[in-house]
Amino acid sequence: FAVAVKIDTIAYMPVQDFGNAFSVFAAQNFGAGKRERIREGVKYAVLSVVVFCVIVSSLVVCFSHSLMNLFVDAGSAVSEAGAWYLQIEGAFYVGIGILFLLYGYFRAVNKPVVSVILTVISLGMRVALAYGLTKIAGVGVTGIWISIPIGWFLADFAGIIFYRTILRICGTICAAITAFTTSKTINGRNPATRAGTRAISLTTIIQMLPNRSTKAAERMAIMV
């Protein structure tokens, strides 16, 4: 297992470094207020990681026995067990590749707590699934290997939900700022025009807000 894990770590180490580089890119653009550039960067980063992980996964799965034989005796029980581990986990490197990108993104946008939550989900589910799957007859130690990529993908799913939520909130804030700026530019117009423009802007904001914030926005509209 120790030998297989070392090979495993070396295989996806470039993806981890790519996640760190993406974090720097996202942080610089976040500080500069270039949200759209971050979105474009996310698309290219995901594409690059997926392509790299597919290539590396193919190599690890196809040459799992050869990689193990570099460190242990060929045909031994240790070699066979390690190769089986690499074939199962190595096929799903895209899961941890996306997870490293999510780690980097949330650190960049000043949401490090989300990165911690994703780590807890990944490791926590891995432990729980490993314990549960090994109890199934005929699964045995293979359940431990399967639990690792499942933990990655569950953390990915949670991270994507957080990511979409943050985008929606940022869009709402931008709409509020635009509405406020618009109301300032029409102060010289007649009262009827000012009232109509404010009503349209606030209606747009209310439509973009999550459900739980709608009532608060409506109260704000009444006050204005």
C-alpha atoms as a PDB file:
ATOM      1  CA  PHE A   1       0.000   0.000   0.000  1.00  0.00           C
ATOM      2  CA  ALA A   2       2.816   2.421   0.884  1.00  0.00           C
ATOM      3  CA  VAL A   3       4.467   1.882  -2.514  1.00  0.00           C
ATOM      4  CA  ALA A   4       1.164   2.337  -4.386  1.00  0.00           C
ATOM      5  CA  VAL A   5       0.390   5.529  -2.484  1.00  0.00           C
ATOM      6  CA  LYS A   6       3.796   6.974  -3.379  1.00  0.00           C
ATOM      7  CA  ILE A   7       3.178   6.250  -7.066  1.00  0.00           C
ATOM      8  CA  ASP A   8      -0.310   7.678  -6.673  1.00  0.00           C
ATOM      9  CA  THR A   9       0.997  10.902  -5.141  1.00  0.00           C
ATOM     10  CA  ILE A  10       3.626  11.398  -7.836  1.00  0.00           C
ATOM     11  CA  ALA A  11       1.010  10.836 -10.544  1.00  0.00           C
ATOM     12  CA  TYR A  12      -1.318  13.641  -9.454  1.00  0.00           C
ATOM     13  CA  MET A  13       1.281  16.001  -7.954  1.00  0.00           C
ATOM     14  CA  PRO A  14       1.310  18.209 -11.113  1.00  0.00           C
ATOM     15  CA  VAL A  15      -2.441  18.735 -10.717  1.00  0.00           C
ATOM     16  CA  GLN A  16      -1.906  19.927  -7.152  1.00  0.00           C
ATOM     17  CA  ASP A  17       0.664  22.455  -8.358  1.00  0.00           C
ATOM     18  CA  PHE A  18      -1.734  23.514 -11.116  1.00  0.00           C
ATOM     19  CA  GLY A  19      -4.368  24.176  -8.458  1.00  0.00           C
ATOM     20  CA  ASN A  20      -1.922  26.403  -6.571  1.00  0.00           C
ATOM     21  CA  ALA A  21      -1.104  28.330  -9.763  1.00  0.00           C
ATOM     22  CA  PHE A  22      -4.811  28.768 -10.500  1.00  0.00           C
ATOM     23  CA  SER A  23      -5.304  30.102  -6.977  1.00  0.00           C
ATOM     24  CA  VAL A  24      -2.743  32.856  -7.637  1.00  0.00           C
ATOM     25  CA  PHE A  25      -4.422  33.737 -10.944  1.00  0.00           C
ATOM     26  CA  ALA A  26      -7.884  33.877  -9.361  1.00  0.00           C
ATOM     27  CA  ALA A  27      -6.672  35.876  -6.341  1.00  0.00           C
ATOM     28  CA  GLN A  28      -5.050  38.560  -8.509  1.00  0.00           C
ATOM     29  CA  ASN A  29      -8.169  38.997 -10.625  1.00  0.00           C
ATOM     30  CA  PHE A  30     -10.429  38.867  -7.578  1.00  0.00           C
ATOM     31  CA  GLY A  31      -8.458  41.708  -6.023  1.00  0.00           C
ATOM     32  CA  ALA A  32      -8.670  43.671  -9.272  1.00  0.00           C
ATOM     33  CA  GLY A  33     -12.427  43.116  -9.450  1.00  0.00           C
ATOM     34  CA  LYS A  34     -12.215  41.205 -12.754  1.00  0.00           C
ATOM     35  CA  ARG A  35     -14.856  38.573 -12.025  1.00  0.00           C
ATOM     36  CA  GLU A  36     -15.502  37.771 -15.683  1.00  0.00           C
ATOM     37  CA  ARG A  37     -11.841  36.952 -16.231  1.00  0.00           C
ATOM     38  CA  ILE A  38     -11.991  34.502 -13.329  1.00  0.00           C
ATOM     39  CA  ARG A  39     -14.957  32.749 -14.947  1.00  0.00           C
ATOM     40  CA  GLU A  40     -13.049  32.401 -18.195  1.00  0.00           C
ATOM     41  CA  GLY A  41     -10.029  31.128 -16.281  1.00  0.00           C
ATOM     42  CA  VAL A  42     -12.172  28.504 -14.552  1.00  0.00           C
ATOM     43  CA  LYS A  43     -13.296  27.101 -17.916  1.00  0.00           C
ATOM     44  CA  TYR A  44      -9.762  26.742 -19.265  1.00  0.00           C
ATOM     45  CA  ALA A  45      -8.438  25.432 -15.953  1.00  0.00           C
ATOM     46  CA  VAL A  46     -11.077  22.710 -15.765  1.00  0.00           C
ATOM     47  CA  LEU A  47     -10.427  21.724 -19.382  1.00  0.00           C
ATOM     48  CA  SER A  48      -6.656  21.524 -18.787  1.00  0.00           C
ATOM     49  CA  VAL A  49      -7.047  19.462 -15.619  1.00  0.00           C
ATOM     50  CA  VAL A  50      -9.518  17.045 -17.203  1.00  0.00           C
ATOM     51  CA  VAL A  51      -7.259  16.434 -20.217  1.00  0.00           C
ATOM     52  CA  PHE A  52      -4.174  15.949 -18.046  1.00  0.00           C
ATOM     53  CA  CYS A  53      -5.953  13.629 -15.613  1.00  0.00           C
ATOM     54  CA  VAL A  54      -7.392  11.472 -18.400  1.00  0.00           C
ATOM     55  CA  ILE A  55      -3.902  11.011 -19.866  1.00  0.00           C
ATOM     56  CA  VAL A  56      -2.271  10.232 -16.512  1.00  0.00           C
ATOM     57  CA  SER A  57      -5.111   7.910 -15.492  1.00  0.00           C
ATOM     58  CA  SER A  58      -4.731   5.969 -18.718  1.00  0.00           C
ATOM     59  CA  LEU A  59      -0.994   5.542 -18.166  1.00  0.00           C
ATOM     60  CA  VAL A  60      -1.330   4.503 -14.511  1.00  0.00           C
ATOM     61  CA  VAL A  61      -4.088   1.996 -15.216  1.00  0.00           C
ATOM     62  CA  CYS A  62      -2.331   0.472 -18.222  1.00  0.00           C
ATOM     63  CA  PHE A  63       1.093   0.230 -16.571  1.00  0.00           C
ATOM     64  CA  SER A  64       0.050  -0.394 -12.956  1.00  0.00           C
ATOM     65  CA  HIS A  65       1.881  -3.731 -12.747  1.00  0.00           C
ATOM     66  CA  SER A  66       5.029  -2.313 -14.332  1.00  0.00           C
ATOM     67  CA  LEU A  67       5.047   0.617 -11.909  1.00  0.00           C
ATOM     68  CA  MET A  68       4.695  -1.666  -8.901  1.00  0.00           C
ATOM     69  CA  ASN A  69       7.408  -3.997 -10.200  1.00  0.00           C
ATOM     70  CA  LEU A  70       9.874  -1.124 -10.065  1.00  0.00           C
ATOM     71  CA  PHE A  71       9.758  -1.278  -6.258  1.00  0.00           C
ATOM     72  CA  VAL A  72       8.663  -4.830  -5.321  1.00  0.00           C
ATOM     73  CA  ASP A  73       9.124  -8.339  -6.688  1.00  0.00           C
ATOM     74  CA  ALA A  74       7.101  -9.033  -9.823  1.00  0.00           C
ATOM     75  CA  GLY A  75       4.178 -11.377  -9.297  1.00  0.00           C
ATOM     76  CA  SER A  76       4.241 -11.054  -5.513  1.00  0.00           C
ATOM     77  CA  ALA A  77       1.108 -10.500  -3.454  1.00  0.00           C
ATOM     78  CA  VAL A  78       2.295  -6.975  -2.662  1.00  0.00           C
ATOM     79  CA  SER A  79       2.713  -6.184  -6.365  1.00  0.00           C
ATOM     80  CA  GLU A  80      -0.734  -7.529  -7.238  1.00  0.00           C
ATOM     81  CA  ALA A  81      -2.472  -5.655  -4.401  1.00  0.00           C
ATOM     82  CA  GLY A  82      -0.725  -2.395  -5.280  1.00  0.00           C
ATOM     83  CA  ALA A  83      -1.560  -2.756  -8.964  1.00  0.00           C
ATOM     84  CA  TRP A  84      -5.223  -3.353  -8.123  1.00  0.00           C
ATOM     85  CA  TYR A  85      -5.213  -0.214  -5.968  1.00  0.00           C
ATOM     86  CA  LEU A  86      -3.709   1.851  -8.798  1.00  0.00           C
ATOM     87  CA  GLN A  87      -6.211   0.501 -11.314  1.00  0.00           C
ATOM     88  CA  ILE A  88      -9.156   1.515  -9.141  1.00  0.00           C
ATOM     89  CA  GLU A  89      -8.026   4.876  -7.827  1.00  0.00           C
ATOM     90  CA  GLY A  90      -5.888   5.817 -10.806  1.00  0.00           C
ATOM     91  CA  ALA A  91      -8.908   5.705 -13.098  1.00  0.00           C
ATOM     92  CA  PHE A  92     -10.499   8.645 -11.251  1.00  0.00           C
ATOM     93  CA  TYR A  93      -7.728  11.246 -10.962  1.00  0.00           C
ATOM     94  CA  VAL A  94     -10.074  13.768 -12.548  1.00  0.00           C
ATOM     95  CA  GLY A  95     -11.961  13.819  -9.235  1.00  0.00           C
ATOM     96  CA  ILE A  96      -9.013  15.013  -7.196  1.00  0.00           C
ATOM     97  CA  GLY A  97      -7.900  17.290 -10.039  1.00  0.00           C
ATOM     98  CA  ILE A  98     -11.179  19.221  -9.895  1.00  0.00           C
ATOM     99  CA  LEU A  99     -10.978  19.217  -6.100  1.00  0.00           C
ATOM    100  CA  PHE A 100      -7.555  20.910  -6.157  1.00  0.00           C
ATOM    101  CA  LEU A 101      -8.995  23.599  -8.441  1.00  0.00           C
ATOM    102  CA  LEU A 102     -11.865  24.166  -6.019  1.00  0.00           C
ATOM    103  CA  TYR A 103      -9.410  24.446  -3.127  1.00  0.00           C
ATOM    104  CA  GLY A 104      -7.456  27.066  -5.038  1.00  0.00           C
ATOM    105  CA  TYR A 105     -10.537  29.004  -6.090  1.00  0.00           C
ATOM    106  CA  PHE A 106     -12.038  29.319  -2.611  1.00  0.00           C
ATOM    107  CA  ARG A 107      -8.696  30.368  -1.117  1.00  0.00           C
ATOM    108  CA  ALA A 108      -8.427  33.015  -3.834  1.00  0.00           C
ATOM    109  CA  VAL A 109     -11.870  34.545  -3.230  1.00  0.00           C
ATOM    110  CA  ASN A 110     -11.281  34.747   0.536  1.00  0.00           C
ATOM    111  CA  LYS A 111     -13.437  31.732   1.398  1.00  0.00           C
ATOM    112  CA  PRO A 112     -10.876  29.387   3.009  1.00  0.00           C
ATOM    113  CA  VAL A 113     -13.553  27.917   5.264  1.00  0.00           C
ATOM    114  CA  VAL A 114     -15.168  26.317   2.211  1.00  0.00           C
ATOM    115  CA  SER A 115     -11.863  24.593   1.397  1.00  0.00           C
ATOM    116  CA  VAL A 116     -11.813  23.174   4.916  1.00  0.00           C
ATOM    117  CA  ILE A 117     -15.405  21.967   4.539  1.00  0.00           C
ATOM    118  CA  LEU A 118     -14.552  20.213   1.266  1.00  0.00           C
ATOM    119  CA  THR A 119     -11.576  18.518   2.917  1.00  0.00           C
ATOM    120  CA  VAL A 120     -13.785  17.300   5.754  1.00  0.00           C
ATOM    121  CA  ILE A 121     -16.324  15.961   3.245  1.00  0.00           C
ATOM    122  CA  SER A 122     -13.654  14.181   1.219  1.00  0.00           C
ATOM    123  CA  LEU A 123     -11.850  12.583   4.173  1.00  0.00           C
ATOM    124  CA  GLY A 124     -14.954  12.040   6.306  1.00  0.00           C
ATOM    125  CA  MET A 125     -16.895  10.263   3.589  1.00  0.00           C
ATOM    126  CA  ARG A 126     -13.812   8.241   2.714  1.00  0.00           C
ATOM    127  CA  VAL A 127     -13.564   6.882   6.252  1.00  0.00           C
ATOM    128  CA  ALA A 128     -17.298   6.235   6.555  1.00  0.00           C
ATOM    129  CA  LEU A 129     -17.539   4.509   3.166  1.00  0.00           C
ATOM    130  CA  ALA A 130     -14.401   2.446   3.768  1.00  0.00           C
ATOM    131  CA  TYR A 131     -15.853   1.191   7.038  1.00  0.00           C
ATOM    132  CA  GLY A 132     -19.219   0.406   5.470  1.00  0.00           C
ATOM    133  CA  LEU A 133     -18.030  -1.127   2.202  1.00  0.00           C
ATOM    134  CA  THR A 134     -15.539  -3.483   3.830  1.00  0.00           C
ATOM    135  CA  LYS A 135     -18.447  -5.037   5.757  1.00  0.00           C
ATOM    136  CA  ILE A 136     -20.085  -6.161   2.509  1.00  0.00           C
ATOM    137  CA  ALA A 137     -19.354  -9.769   1.690  1.00  0.00           C
ATOM    138  CA  GLY A 138     -16.971 -10.192  -1.216  1.00  0.00           C
ATOM    139  CA  VAL A 139     -15.810  -6.558  -1.227  1.00  0.00           C
ATOM    140  CA  GLY A 140     -13.138  -6.627   1.443  1.00  0.00           C
ATOM    141  CA  VAL A 141     -10.172  -4.297   1.060  1.00  0.00           C
ATOM    142  CA  THR A 142     -11.413  -3.192  -2.366  1.00  0.00           C
ATOM    143  CA  GLY A 143     -14.038  -1.148  -0.515  1.00  0.00           C
ATOM    144  CA  ILE A 144     -11.263   1.005   0.923  1.00  0.00           C
ATOM    145  CA  TRP A 145      -9.855   1.717  -2.524  1.00  0.00           C
ATOM    146  CA  ILE A 146     -13.314   2.545  -3.921  1.00  0.00           C
ATOM    147  CA  SER A 147     -14.109   4.907  -1.050  1.00  0.00           C
ATOM    148  CA  ILE A 148     -11.260   7.262  -1.978  1.00  0.00           C
ATOM    149  CA  PRO A 149     -12.525   8.431  -5.418  1.00  0.00           C
ATOM    150  CA  ILE A 150     -16.106   8.481  -4.110  1.00  0.00           C
ATOM    151  CA  GLY A 151     -14.977  10.926  -1.420  1.00  0.00           C
ATOM    152  CA  TRP A 152     -13.326  13.085  -4.092  1.00  0.00           C
ATOM    153  CA  PHE A 153     -16.446  13.290  -6.232  1.00  0.00           C
ATOM    154  CA  LEU A 154     -18.735  14.033  -3.278  1.00  0.00           C
ATOM    155  CA  ALA A 155     -16.446  16.914  -2.300  1.00  0.00           C
ATOM    156  CA  ASP A 156     -16.449  18.088  -5.937  1.00  0.00           C
ATOM    157  CA  PHE A 157     -20.248  18.087  -5.979  1.00  0.00           C
ATOM    158  CA  ALA A 158     -20.387  20.145  -2.760  1.00  0.00           C
ATOM    159  CA  GLY A 159     -17.736  22.538  -4.084  1.00  0.00           C
ATOM    160  CA  ILE A 160     -19.649  23.155  -7.313  1.00  0.00           C
ATOM    161  CA  ILE A 161     -22.753  24.004  -5.291  1.00  0.00           C
ATOM    162  CA  PHE A 162     -20.748  26.498  -3.206  1.00  0.00           C
ATOM    163  CA  TYR A 163     -19.217  27.930  -6.390  1.00  0.00           C
ATOM    164  CA  ARG A 164     -22.589  28.527  -8.056  1.00  0.00           C
ATOM    165  CA  THR A 165     -23.950  30.082  -4.858  1.00  0.00           C
ATOM    166  CA  ILE A 166     -21.046  32.522  -4.678  1.00  0.00           C
ATOM    167  CA  LEU A 167     -21.540  33.484  -8.342  1.00  0.00           C
ATOM    168  CA  ARG A 168     -25.230  34.155  -7.718  1.00  0.00           C
ATOM    169  CA  ILE A 169     -24.476  36.331  -4.692  1.00  0.00           C
ATOM    170  CA  CYS A 170     -21.804  38.267  -6.604  1.00  0.00           C
ATOM    171  CA  GLY A 171     -24.253  38.850  -9.434  1.00  0.00           C
ATOM    172  CA  THR A 172     -26.817  40.195  -6.984  1.00  0.00           C
ATOM    173  CA  ILE A 173     -24.287  42.558  -5.419  1.00  0.00           C
ATOM    174  CA  CYS A 174     -23.221  43.841  -8.862  1.00  0.00           C
ATOM    175  CA  ALA A 175     -26.860  44.441  -9.776  1.00  0.00           C
ATOM    176  CA  ALA A 176     -27.380  46.377  -6.532  1.00  0.00           C
ATOM    177  CA  ILE A 177     -24.340  48.548  -7.218  1.00  0.00           C
ATOM    178  CA  THR A 178     -25.508  49.214 -10.779  1.00  0.00           C
ATOM    179  CA  ALA A 179     -28.968  50.161  -9.554  1.00  0.00           C
ATOM    180  CA  PHE A 180     -27.509  52.508  -6.946  1.00  0.00           C
ATOM    181  CA  THR A 181     -25.235  54.168  -9.511  1.00  0.00           C
ATOM    182  CA  THR A 182     -28.130  54.571 -11.917  1.00  0.00           C
ATOM    183  CA  SER A 183     -30.267  56.229  -9.268  1.00  0.00           C
ATOM    184  CA  LYS A 184     -27.464  58.699  -8.606  1.00  0.00           C
ATOM    185  CA  THR A 185     -27.147  59.687 -12.254  1.00  0.00           C
ATOM    186  CA  ILE A 186     -30.839  60.585 -12.584  1.00  0.00           C
ATOM    187  CA  ASN A 187     -31.074  62.907  -9.588  1.00  0.00           C
ATOM    188  CA  GLY A 188     -31.391  65.861 -11.933  1.00  0.00           C
ATOM    189  CA  ARG A 189     -34.445  64.449 -13.694  1.00  0.00           C
ATOM    190  CA  ASN A 190     -38.059  64.990 -12.729  1.00  0.00           C
ATOM    191  CA  PRO A 191     -39.524  63.024  -9.765  1.00  0.00           C
ATOM    192  CA  ALA A 192     -41.646  60.709 -11.938  1.00  0.00           C
ATOM    193  CA  THR A 193     -38.607  59.553 -13.940  1.00  0.00           C
ATOM    194  CA  ARG A 194     -36.565  58.978 -10.781  1.00  0.00           C
ATOM    195  CA  ALA A 195     -39.301  56.900  -9.190  1.00  0.00           C
ATOM    196  CA  GLY A 196     -39.817  54.789 -12.313  1.00  0.00           C
ATOM    197  CA  THR A 197     -36.118  54.053 -12.770  1.00  0.00           C
ATOM    198  CA  ARG A 198     -35.693  53.088  -9.118  1.00  0.00           C
ATOM    199  CA  ALA A 199     -38.699  50.768  -9.293  1.00  0.00           C
ATOM    200  CA  ILE A 200     -37.299  48.986 -12.366  1.00  0.00           C
ATOM    201  CA  SER A 201     -33.841  48.614 -10.800  1.00  0.00           C
ATOM    202  CA  LEU A 202     -35.172  47.259  -7.524  1.00  0.00           C
ATOM    203  CA  THR A 203     -37.474  44.835  -9.335  1.00  0.00           C
ATOM    204  CA  THR A 204     -34.449  43.465 -11.204  1.00  0.00           C
ATOM    205  CA  ILE A 205     -32.538  42.983  -7.949  1.00  0.00           C
ATOM    206  CA  ILE A 206     -35.477  41.213  -6.284  1.00  0.00           C
ATOM    207  CA  GLN A 207     -35.714  38.764  -9.190  1.00  0.00           C
ATOM    208  CA  MET A 208     -31.997  37.909  -8.928  1.00  0.00           C
ATOM    209  CA  LEU A 209     -31.916  37.424  -5.169  1.00  0.00           C
ATOM    210  CA  PRO A 210     -32.205  33.969  -3.566  1.00  0.00           C
ATOM    211  CA  ASN A 211     -35.666  33.202  -2.157  1.00  0.00           C
ATOM    212  CA  ARG A 212     -34.707  33.858   1.430  1.00  0.00           C
ATOM    213  CA  SER A 213     -33.589  37.399   0.583  1.00  0.00           C
ATOM    214  CA  THR A 214     -36.630  38.394  -1.470  1.00  0.00           C
ATOM    215  CA  LYS A 215     -38.754  39.650   1.437  1.00  0.00           C
ATOM    216  CA  ALA A 216     -35.914  41.830   2.719  1.00  0.00           C
ATOM    217  CA  ALA A 217     -35.459  43.320  -0.745  1.00  0.00           C
ATOM    218  CA  GLU A 218     -39.186  44.032  -1.019  1.00  0.00           C
ATOM    219  CA  ARG A 219     -39.087  45.882   2.298  1.00  0.00           C
ATOM    220  CA  MET A 220     -36.163  47.918   0.985  1.00  0.00           C
ATOM    221  CA  ALA A 221     -38.143  48.734  -2.152  1.00  0.00           C
ATOM    222  CA  ILE A 222     -41.060  49.990  -0.052  1.00  0.00           C
ATOM    223  CA  MET A 223     -38.742  52.183   2.003  1.00  0.00           C
ATOM    224  CA  VAL A 224     -37.237  53.707  -1.146  1.00  0.00           C
END
